[in-house]
């Protein structure tokens, strides 16, 4: 029966995390299979996804307030437009 042990691979050395194989001699060659876990990457992706979902929910809640804005008036207020000497204002 194959046993599974947790370890961290640093360069060419395995460092045992919890249980380690018993009766291993320091110079003994032991055949192993190593599976590289991408656990850290998937945890970060899940966390990022949750933050993105929360941000989208906030945007959805704000939709009513944003929909009532007049974009042209808002832009003029933000930009603090002034009339240019060479142009006349058609809006006034």
PDB file of N, CA and C in Angstrom:
ATOM      1  N   UNK A   1       0.840  -1.186   0.000  1.00  0.00           N
ATOM      2  CA  UNK A   1       0.000   0.000   0.000  1.00  0.00           C
ATOM      3  C   UNK A   1       0.884   1.248   0.000  1.00  0.00           C
ATOM      4  N   UNK A   2       0.550   2.207  -0.875  1.00  0.00           N
ATOM      5  CA  UNK A   2       1.295   3.466  -0.929  1.00  0.00           C
ATOM      6  C   UNK A   2       0.842   4.387   0.188  1.00  0.00           C
ATOM      7  N   UNK A   3       1.801   4.998   0.854  1.00  0.00           N
ATOM      8  CA  UNK A   3       1.493   5.939   1.928  1.00  0.00           C
ATOM      9  C   UNK A   3       1.756   7.357   1.413  1.00  0.00           C
ATOM     10  N   UNK A   4       1.018   8.313   1.928  1.00  0.00           N
ATOM     11  CA  UNK A   4       1.181   9.710   1.526  1.00  0.00           C
ATOM     12  C   UNK A   4       1.694  10.516   2.708  1.00  0.00           C
ATOM     13  N   UNK A   5       2.720  11.314   2.467  1.00  0.00           N
ATOM     14  CA  UNK A   5       3.304  12.181   3.488  1.00  0.00           C
ATOM     15  C   UNK A   5       3.368  13.592   2.927  1.00  0.00           C
ATOM     16  N   UNK A   6       3.205  14.576   3.788  1.00  0.00           N
ATOM     17  CA  UNK A   6       3.288  15.967   3.346  1.00  0.00           C
ATOM     18  C   UNK A   6       4.708  16.476   3.523  1.00  0.00           C
ATOM     19  N   UNK A   7       5.178  17.159   2.496  1.00  0.00           N
ATOM     20  CA  UNK A   7       6.525  17.720   2.540  1.00  0.00           C
ATOM     21  C   UNK A   7       6.567  18.975   1.688  1.00  0.00           C
ATOM     22  N   UNK A   8       7.630  19.728   1.864  1.00  0.00           N
ATOM     23  CA  UNK A   8       7.876  20.911   1.045  1.00  0.00           C
ATOM     24  C   UNK A   8       9.163  20.654   0.291  1.00  0.00           C
ATOM     25  N   UNK A   9       9.137  20.921  -0.993  1.00  0.00           N
ATOM     26  CA  UNK A   9      10.321  20.744  -1.824  1.00  0.00           C
ATOM     27  C   UNK A   9      11.045  22.075  -1.923  1.00  0.00           C
ATOM     28  N   UNK A  10      12.273  22.122  -1.457  1.00  0.00           N
ATOM     29  CA  UNK A  10      13.118  23.316  -1.565  1.00  0.00           C
ATOM     30  C   UNK A  10      14.339  22.922  -2.385  1.00  0.00           C
ATOM     31  N   UNK A  11      14.346  23.389  -3.617  1.00  0.00           N
ATOM     32  CA  UNK A  11      15.432  22.984  -4.511  1.00  0.00           C
ATOM     33  C   UNK A  11      15.337  21.494  -4.784  1.00  0.00           C
ATOM     34  N   UNK A  12      16.299  20.736  -4.287  1.00  0.00           N
ATOM     35  CA  UNK A  12      16.300  19.291  -4.481  1.00  0.00           C
ATOM     36  C   UNK A  12      16.100  18.537  -3.171  1.00  0.00           C
ATOM     37  N   UNK A  13      15.650  19.232  -2.131  1.00  0.00           N
ATOM     38  CA  UNK A  13      15.511  18.618  -0.810  1.00  0.00           C
ATOM     39  C   UNK A  13      14.054  18.643  -0.375  1.00  0.00           C
ATOM     40  N   UNK A  14      13.537  17.492   0.105  1.00  0.00           N
ATOM     41  CA  UNK A  14      12.198  17.426   0.665  1.00  0.00           C
ATOM     42  C   UNK A  14      12.281  17.660   2.166  1.00  0.00           C
ATOM     43  N   UNK A  15      11.454  18.579   2.677  1.00  0.00           N
ATOM     44  CA  UNK A  15      11.380  18.822   4.114  1.00  0.00           C
ATOM     45  C   UNK A  15      10.019  18.321   4.576  1.00  0.00           C
ATOM     46  N   UNK A  16      10.009  17.365   5.484  1.00  0.00           N
ATOM     47  CA  UNK A  16       8.767  16.776   5.960  1.00  0.00           C
ATOM     48  C   UNK A  16       8.005  17.785   6.811  1.00  0.00           C
ATOM     49  N   UNK A  17       6.692  17.874   6.615  1.00  0.00           N
ATOM     50  CA  UNK A  17       5.872  18.826   7.349  1.00  0.00           C
ATOM     51  C   UNK A  17       5.354  18.216   8.652  1.00  0.00           C
ATOM     52  N   UNK A  18       4.732  17.083   8.573  1.00  0.00           N
ATOM     53  CA  UNK A  18       4.158  16.470   9.766  1.00  0.00           C
ATOM     54  C   UNK A  18       4.786  15.082   9.927  1.00  0.00           C
ATOM     55  N   UNK A  19       4.005  14.050   9.664  1.00  0.00           N
ATOM     56  CA  UNK A  19       4.547  12.691   9.738  1.00  0.00           C
ATOM     57  C   UNK A  19       5.576  12.499   8.642  1.00  0.00           C
ATOM     58  N   UNK A  20       6.580  11.717   8.957  1.00  0.00           N
ATOM     59  CA  UNK A  20       7.557  11.386   7.931  1.00  0.00           C
ATOM     60  C   UNK A  20       7.727   9.874   7.909  1.00  0.00           C
ATOM     61  N   UNK A  21       8.195   9.347   6.800  1.00  0.00           N
ATOM     62  CA  UNK A  21       8.366   7.901   6.716  1.00  0.00           C
ATOM     63  C   UNK A  21       9.314   7.401   7.810  1.00  0.00           C
ATOM     64  N   UNK A  22       8.933   6.294   8.417  1.00  0.00           N
ATOM     65  CA  UNK A  22       9.758   5.720   9.486  1.00  0.00           C
ATOM     66  C   UNK A  22      10.900   4.913   8.899  1.00  0.00           C
ATOM     67  N   UNK A  23      11.916   4.751   9.693  1.00  0.00           N
ATOM     68  CA  UNK A  23      13.069   3.902   9.352  1.00  0.00           C
ATOM     69  C   UNK A  23      13.803   4.349   8.098  1.00  0.00           C
ATOM     70  N   UNK A  24      13.833   5.636   7.840  1.00  0.00           N
ATOM     71  CA  UNK A  24      14.604   6.136   6.701  1.00  0.00           C
ATOM     72  C   UNK A  24      16.029   6.419   7.164  1.00  0.00           C
ATOM     73  N   UNK A  25      16.957   5.852   6.466  1.00  0.00           N
ATOM     74  CA  UNK A  25      18.363   6.119   6.744  1.00  0.00           C
ATOM     75  C   UNK A  25      18.739   7.371   5.949  1.00  0.00           C
ATOM     76  N   UNK A  26      19.610   8.225   6.469  1.00  0.00           N
ATOM     77  CA  UNK A  26      19.959   9.475   5.794  1.00  0.00           C
ATOM     78  C   UNK A  26      20.432   9.299   4.354  1.00  0.00           C
ATOM     79  N   UNK A  27      21.162   8.254   4.057  1.00  0.00           N
ATOM     80  CA  UNK A  27      21.696   8.059   2.702  1.00  0.00           C
ATOM     81  C   UNK A  27      20.895   7.045   1.903  1.00  0.00           C
ATOM     82  N   UNK A  28      19.756   6.602   2.430  1.00  0.00           N
ATOM     83  CA  UNK A  28      18.949   5.584   1.762  1.00  0.00           C
ATOM     84  C   UNK A  28      18.185   6.203   0.589  1.00  0.00           C
ATOM     85  N   UNK A  29      18.244   5.592  -0.562  1.00  0.00           N
ATOM     86  CA  UNK A  29      17.488   6.044  -1.735  1.00  0.00           C
ATOM     87  C   UNK A  29      16.097   5.438  -1.674  1.00  0.00           C
ATOM     88  N   UNK A  30      15.087   6.293  -1.737  1.00  0.00           N
ATOM     89  CA  UNK A  30      13.699   5.832  -1.658  1.00  0.00           C
ATOM     90  C   UNK A  30      12.951   6.366  -2.869  1.00  0.00           C
ATOM     91  N   UNK A  31      12.344   5.492  -3.661  1.00  0.00           N
ATOM     92  CA  UNK A  31      11.574   5.976  -4.806  1.00  0.00           C
ATOM     93  C   UNK A  31      10.296   6.679  -4.327  1.00  0.00           C
ATOM     94  N   UNK A  32      10.005   7.839  -4.907  1.00  0.00           N
ATOM     95  CA  UNK A  32       8.823   8.618  -4.513  1.00  0.00           C
ATOM     96  C   UNK A  32       8.139   9.179  -5.754  1.00  0.00           C
ATOM     97  N   UNK A  33       6.887   9.541  -5.587  1.00  0.00           N
ATOM     98  CA  UNK A  33       6.146  10.319  -6.571  1.00  0.00           C
ATOM     99  C   UNK A  33       5.891  11.670  -5.921  1.00  0.00           C
ATOM    100  N   UNK A  34       6.119  12.748  -6.639  1.00  0.00           N
ATOM    101  CA  UNK A  34       5.898  14.082  -6.094  1.00  0.00           C
ATOM    102  C   UNK A  34       4.833  14.774  -6.946  1.00  0.00           C
ATOM    103  N   UNK A  35       3.815  15.282  -6.279  1.00  0.00           N
ATOM    104  CA  UNK A  35       2.766  16.052  -6.952  1.00  0.00           C
ATOM    105  C   UNK A  35       2.885  17.495  -6.486  1.00  0.00           C
ATOM    106  N   UNK A  36       3.089  18.404  -7.413  1.00  0.00           N
ATOM    107  CA  UNK A  36       3.208  19.817  -7.073  1.00  0.00           C
ATOM    108  C   UNK A  36       1.792  20.370  -6.858  1.00  0.00           C
ATOM    109  N   UNK A  37       1.531  20.852  -5.656  1.00  0.00           N
ATOM    110  CA  UNK A  37       0.226  21.403  -5.323  1.00  0.00           C
ATOM    111  C   UNK A  37       0.210  22.884  -5.639  1.00  0.00           C
ATOM    112  N   UNK A  38      -0.837  23.337  -6.284  1.00  0.00           N
ATOM    113  CA  UNK A  38      -0.982  24.760  -6.575  1.00  0.00           C
ATOM    114  C   UNK A  38      -2.013  25.344  -5.626  1.00  0.00           C
ATOM    115  N   UNK A  39      -1.973  24.895  -4.411  1.00  0.00           N
ATOM    116  CA  UNK A  39      -2.920  25.295  -3.380  1.00  0.00           C
ATOM    117  C   UNK A  39      -2.879  26.795  -3.145  1.00  0.00           C
ATOM    118  N   UNK A  40      -1.704  27.359  -3.043  1.00  0.00           N
ATOM    119  CA  UNK A  40      -1.565  28.776  -2.749  1.00  0.00           C
ATOM    120  C   UNK A  40      -2.204  29.624  -3.840  1.00  0.00           C
ATOM    121  N   UNK A  41      -1.979  29.244  -5.077  1.00  0.00           N
ATOM    122  CA  UNK A  41      -2.529  29.995  -6.192  1.00  0.00           C
ATOM    123  C   UNK A  41      -4.056  29.950  -6.171  1.00  0.00           C
ATOM    124  N   UNK A  42      -4.633  28.787  -5.918  1.00  0.00           N
ATOM    125  CA  UNK A  42      -6.081  28.678  -5.931  1.00  0.00           C
ATOM    126  C   UNK A  42      -6.703  29.432  -4.760  1.00  0.00           C
ATOM    127  N   UNK A  43      -6.048  29.447  -3.605  1.00  0.00           N
ATOM    128  CA  UNK A  43      -6.556  30.207  -2.464  1.00  0.00           C
ATOM    129  C   UNK A  43      -6.573  31.690  -2.806  1.00  0.00           C
ATOM    130  N   UNK A  44      -5.521  32.181  -3.433  1.00  0.00           N
ATOM    131  CA  UNK A  44      -5.476  33.589  -3.826  1.00  0.00           C
ATOM    132  C   UNK A  44      -6.561  33.910  -4.842  1.00  0.00           C
ATOM    133  N   UNK A  45      -6.797  32.993  -5.773  1.00  0.00           N
ATOM    134  CA  UNK A  45      -7.819  33.232  -6.788  1.00  0.00           C
ATOM    135  C   UNK A  45      -9.210  33.259  -6.162  1.00  0.00           C
ATOM    136  N   UNK A  46      -9.468  32.380  -5.201  1.00  0.00           N
ATOM    137  CA  UNK A  46     -10.768  32.368  -4.527  1.00  0.00           C
ATOM    138  C   UNK A  46     -10.961  33.670  -3.755  1.00  0.00           C
ATOM    139  N   UNK A  47      -9.920  34.098  -3.042  1.00  0.00           N
ATOM    140  CA  UNK A  47      -9.996  35.345  -2.279  1.00  0.00           C
ATOM    141  C   UNK A  47     -10.238  36.530  -3.205  1.00  0.00           C
ATOM    142  N   UNK A  48      -9.522  36.567  -4.312  1.00  0.00           N
ATOM    143  CA  UNK A  48      -9.694  37.656  -5.279  1.00  0.00           C
ATOM    144  C   UNK A  48     -11.113  37.643  -5.849  1.00  0.00           C
ATOM    145  N   UNK A  49     -11.624  36.454  -6.138  1.00  0.00           N
ATOM    146  CA  UNK A  49     -12.981  36.334  -6.659  1.00  0.00           C
ATOM    147  C   UNK A  49     -14.024  36.837  -5.670  1.00  0.00           C
ATOM    148  N   UNK A  50     -13.814  36.544  -4.383  1.00  0.00           N
ATOM    149  CA  UNK A  50     -14.749  37.002  -3.362  1.00  0.00           C
ATOM    150  C   UNK A  50     -14.727  38.530  -3.244  1.00  0.00           C
ATOM    151  N   UNK A  51     -13.528  39.116  -3.317  1.00  0.00           N
ATOM    152  CA  UNK A  51     -13.431  40.580  -3.261  1.00  0.00           C
ATOM    153  C   UNK A  51     -14.097  41.214  -4.478  1.00  0.00           C
ATOM    154  N   UNK A  52     -13.925  40.585  -5.644  1.00  0.00           N
ATOM    155  CA  UNK A  52     -14.533  41.110  -6.859  1.00  0.00           C
ATOM    156  C   UNK A  52     -16.056  41.027  -6.774  1.00  0.00           C
ATOM    157  N   UNK A  53     -16.576  39.924  -6.254  1.00  0.00           N
ATOM    158  CA  UNK A  53     -18.023  39.774  -6.111  1.00  0.00           C
ATOM    159  C   UNK A  53     -18.575  40.827  -5.162  1.00  0.00           C
ATOM    160  N   UNK A  54     -17.871  41.096  -4.065  1.00  0.00           N
ATOM    161  CA  UNK A  54     -18.315  42.116  -3.111  1.00  0.00           C
ATOM    162  C   UNK A  54     -18.329  43.496  -3.765  1.00  0.00           C
ATOM    163  N   UNK A  55     -17.312  43.795  -4.560  1.00  0.00           N
ATOM    164  CA  UNK A  55     -17.252  45.095  -5.251  1.00  0.00           C
ATOM    165  C   UNK A  55     -18.400  45.214  -6.251  1.00  0.00           C
ATOM    166  N   UNK A  56     -18.704  44.142  -6.964  1.00  0.00           N
ATOM    167  CA  UNK A  56     -19.805  44.183  -7.929  1.00  0.00           C
ATOM    168  C   UNK A  56     -21.148  44.352  -7.230  1.00  0.00           C
ATOM    169  N   UNK A  57     -21.308  43.736  -6.064  1.00  0.00           N
ATOM    170  CA  UNK A  57     -22.543  43.913  -5.295  1.00  0.00           C
ATOM    171  C   UNK A  57     -22.701  45.375  -4.874  1.00  0.00           C
ATOM    172  N   UNK A  58     -21.610  45.998  -4.445  1.00  0.00           N
ATOM    173  CA  UNK A  58     -21.666  47.408  -4.058  1.00  0.00           C
ATOM    174  C   UNK A  58     -22.043  48.280  -5.253  1.00  0.00           C
ATOM    175  N   UNK A  59     -21.480  47.968  -6.418  1.00  0.00           N
ATOM    176  CA  UNK A  59     -21.830  48.730  -7.622  1.00  0.00           C
ATOM    177  C   UNK A  59     -23.305  48.564  -7.964  1.00  0.00           C
ATOM    178  N   UNK A  60     -23.814  47.342  -7.812  1.00  0.00           N
ATOM    179  CA  UNK A  60     -25.224  47.095  -8.109  1.00  0.00           C
ATOM    180  C   UNK A  60     -26.126  47.883  -7.162  1.00  0.00           C
ATOM    181  N   UNK A  61     -25.729  47.981  -5.892  1.00  0.00           N
ATOM    182  CA  UNK A  61     -26.505  48.751  -4.921  1.00  0.00           C
ATOM    183  C   UNK A  61     -26.478  50.245  -5.253  1.00  0.00           C
ATOM    184  N   UNK A  62     -25.377  50.718  -5.787  1.00  0.00           N
ATOM    185  CA  UNK A  62     -25.227  52.131  -6.120  1.00  0.00           C
ATOM    186  C   UNK A  62     -25.898  52.484  -7.446  1.00  0.00           C
ATOM    187  N   UNK A  63     -26.335  51.519  -8.208  1.00  0.00           N
ATOM    188  CA  UNK A  63     -26.876  51.762  -9.551  1.00  0.00           C
ATOM    189  C   UNK A  63     -28.002  52.793  -9.530  1.00  0.00           C
ATOM    190  N   UNK A  64     -28.887  52.712  -8.549  1.00  0.00           N
ATOM    191  CA  UNK A  64     -29.999  53.663  -8.484  1.00  0.00           C
ATOM    192  C   UNK A  64     -29.512  55.087  -8.354  1.00  0.00           C
ATOM    193  N   UNK A  65     -28.524  55.311  -7.520  1.00  0.00           N
ATOM    194  CA  UNK A  65     -27.993  56.660  -7.322  1.00  0.00           C
ATOM    195  C   UNK A  65     -27.273  57.140  -8.567  1.00  0.00           C
ATOM    196  N   UNK A  66     -26.551  56.265  -9.216  1.00  0.00           N
ATOM    197  CA  UNK A  66     -25.799  56.641 -10.415  1.00  0.00           C
ATOM    198  C   UNK A  66     -26.736  56.893 -11.587  1.00  0.00           C
ATOM    199  N   UNK A  67     -27.786  56.105 -11.696  1.00  0.00           N
ATOM    200  CA  UNK A  67     -28.712  56.241 -12.827  1.00  0.00           C
ATOM    201  C   UNK A  67     -29.421  57.586 -12.813  1.00  0.00           C
ATOM    202  N   UNK A  68     -29.576  58.201 -11.639  1.00  0.00           N
ATOM    203  CA  UNK A  68     -30.290  59.475 -11.566  1.00  0.00           C
ATOM    204  C   UNK A  68     -29.402  60.677 -11.886  1.00  0.00           C
ATOM    205  N   UNK A  69     -28.119  60.478 -12.098  1.00  0.00           N
ATOM    206  CA  UNK A  69     -27.216  61.587 -12.408  1.00  0.00           C
ATOM    207  C   UNK A  69     -27.329  61.999 -13.870  1.00  0.00           C
ATOM    208  N   UNK A  70     -27.159  63.290 -14.103  1.00  0.00           N
ATOM    209  CA  UNK A  70     -27.077  63.810 -15.468  1.00  0.00           C
ATOM    210  C   UNK A  70     -25.593  63.851 -15.830  1.00  0.00           C
ATOM    211  N   UNK A  71     -25.129  62.990 -16.730  1.00  0.00           N
ATOM    212  CA  UNK A  71     -23.693  62.892 -17.004  1.00  0.00           C
ATOM    213  C   UNK A  71     -23.077  64.180 -17.538  1.00  0.00           C
ATOM    214  N   UNK A  72     -23.810  64.938 -18.336  1.00  0.00           N
ATOM    215  CA  UNK A  72     -23.258  66.176 -18.891  1.00  0.00           C
ATOM    216  C   UNK A  72     -23.074  67.211 -17.791  1.00  0.00           C
ATOM    217  N   UNK A  73     -24.090  67.349 -16.950  1.00  0.00           N
ATOM    218  CA  UNK A  73     -23.987  68.301 -15.837  1.00  0.00           C
ATOM    219  C   UNK A  73     -22.869  67.874 -14.886  1.00  0.00           C
ATOM    220  N   UNK A  74     -22.774  66.588 -14.598  1.00  0.00           N
ATOM    221  CA  UNK A  74     -21.719  66.084 -13.701  1.00  0.00           C
ATOM    222  C   UNK A  74     -20.339  66.398 -14.268  1.00  0.00           C
ATOM    223  N   UNK A  75     -20.161  66.147 -15.575  1.00  0.00           N
ATOM    224  CA  UNK A  75     -18.862  66.395 -16.192  1.00  0.00           C
ATOM    225  C   UNK A  75     -18.496  67.875 -16.132  1.00  0.00           C
ATOM    226  N   UNK A  76     -19.461  68.738 -16.386  1.00  0.00           N
ATOM    227  CA  UNK A  76     -19.190  70.174 -16.325  1.00  0.00           C
ATOM    228  C   UNK A  76     -18.781  70.603 -14.912  1.00  0.00           C
ATOM    229  N   UNK A  77     -19.451  70.064 -13.903  1.00  0.00           N
ATOM    230  CA  UNK A  77     -19.109  70.396 -12.522  1.00  0.00           C
ATOM    231  C   UNK A  77     -17.711  69.899 -12.164  1.00  0.00           C
ATOM    232  N   UNK A  78     -17.406  68.692 -12.605  1.00  0.00           N
ATOM    233  CA  UNK A  78     -16.105  68.107 -12.288  1.00  0.00           C
ATOM    234  C   UNK A  78     -14.998  68.851 -13.011  1.00  0.00           C
ATOM    235  N   UNK A  79     -15.216  69.146 -14.278  1.00  0.00           N
ATOM    236  CA  UNK A  79     -14.180  69.796 -15.078  1.00  0.00           C
ATOM    237  C   UNK A  79     -14.126  71.304 -14.832  1.00  0.00           C
ATOM    238  N   UNK A  80     -15.152  71.843 -14.231  1.00  0.00           N
ATOM    239  CA  UNK A  80     -15.245  73.283 -14.005  1.00  0.00           C
ATOM    240  C   UNK A  80     -14.964  74.026 -15.312  1.00  0.00           C
ATOM    241  N   UNK A  81     -15.808  73.732 -16.288  1.00  0.00           N
ATOM    242  CA  UNK A  81     -15.618  74.284 -17.625  1.00  0.00           C
ATOM    243  C   UNK A  81     -15.722  75.800 -17.616  1.00  0.00           C
ATOM    244  N   UNK A  82     -14.996  76.364 -18.504  1.00  0.00           N
ATOM    245  CA  UNK A  82     -15.064  77.795 -18.724  1.00  0.00           C
ATOM    246  C   UNK A  82     -15.218  78.025 -20.217  1.00  0.00           C
ATOM    247  N   UNK A  83     -15.773  79.138 -20.574  1.00  0.00           N
ATOM    248  CA  UNK A  83     -15.918  79.436 -21.995  1.00  0.00           C
ATOM    249  C   UNK A  83     -14.559  79.853 -22.555  1.00  0.00           C
ATOM    250  N   UNK A  84     -14.303  79.438 -23.743  1.00  0.00           N
ATOM    251  CA  UNK A  84     -13.053  79.788 -24.398  1.00  0.00           C
ATOM    252  C   UNK A  84     -13.234  81.109 -25.138  1.00  0.00           C
ATOM    253  N   UNK A  85     -12.196  81.935 -25.182  1.00  0.00           N
ATOM    254  CA  UNK A  85     -12.313  83.241 -25.846  1.00  0.00           C
ATOM    255  C   UNK A  85     -12.704  83.152 -27.316  1.00  0.00           C
ATOM    256  N   UNK A  86     -12.302  82.115 -27.989  1.00  0.00           N
ATOM    257  CA  UNK A  86     -12.555  82.031 -29.424  1.00  0.00           C
ATOM    258  C   UNK A  86     -13.884  81.333 -29.731  1.00  0.00           C
ATOM    259  N   UNK A  87     -14.599  80.858 -28.706  1.00  0.00           N
ATOM    260  CA  UNK A  87     -15.845  80.142 -28.943  1.00  0.00           C
ATOM    261  C   UNK A  87     -16.961  80.723 -28.071  1.00  0.00           C
ATOM    262  N   UNK A  88     -18.143  80.680 -28.624  1.00  0.00           N
ATOM    263  CA  UNK A  88     -19.305  81.115 -27.854  1.00  0.00           C
ATOM    264  C   UNK A  88     -20.003  79.898 -27.293  1.00  0.00           C
ATOM    265  N   UNK A  89     -20.620  80.043 -26.160  1.00  0.00           N
ATOM    266  CA  UNK A  89     -21.321  78.928 -25.526  1.00  0.00           C
ATOM    267  C   UNK A  89     -22.700  78.779 -26.139  1.00  0.00           C
ATOM    268  N   UNK A  90     -23.005  77.590 -26.665  1.00  0.00           N
ATOM    269  CA  UNK A  90     -24.316  77.323 -27.240  1.00  0.00           C
ATOM    270  C   UNK A  90     -25.318  76.900 -26.168  1.00  0.00           C
ATOM    271  N   UNK A  91     -24.825  76.409 -25.044  1.00  0.00           N
ATOM    272  CA  UNK A  91     -25.694  75.881 -24.019  1.00  0.00           C
ATOM    273  C   UNK A  91     -26.399  76.974 -23.229  1.00  0.00           C
ATOM    274  N   UNK A  92     -25.808  78.174 -23.161  1.00  0.00           N
ATOM    275  CA  UNK A  92     -26.376  79.242 -22.329  1.00  0.00           C
ATOM    276  C   UNK A  92     -27.347  80.095 -23.077  1.00  0.00           C
TER     277      UNK A  92
END
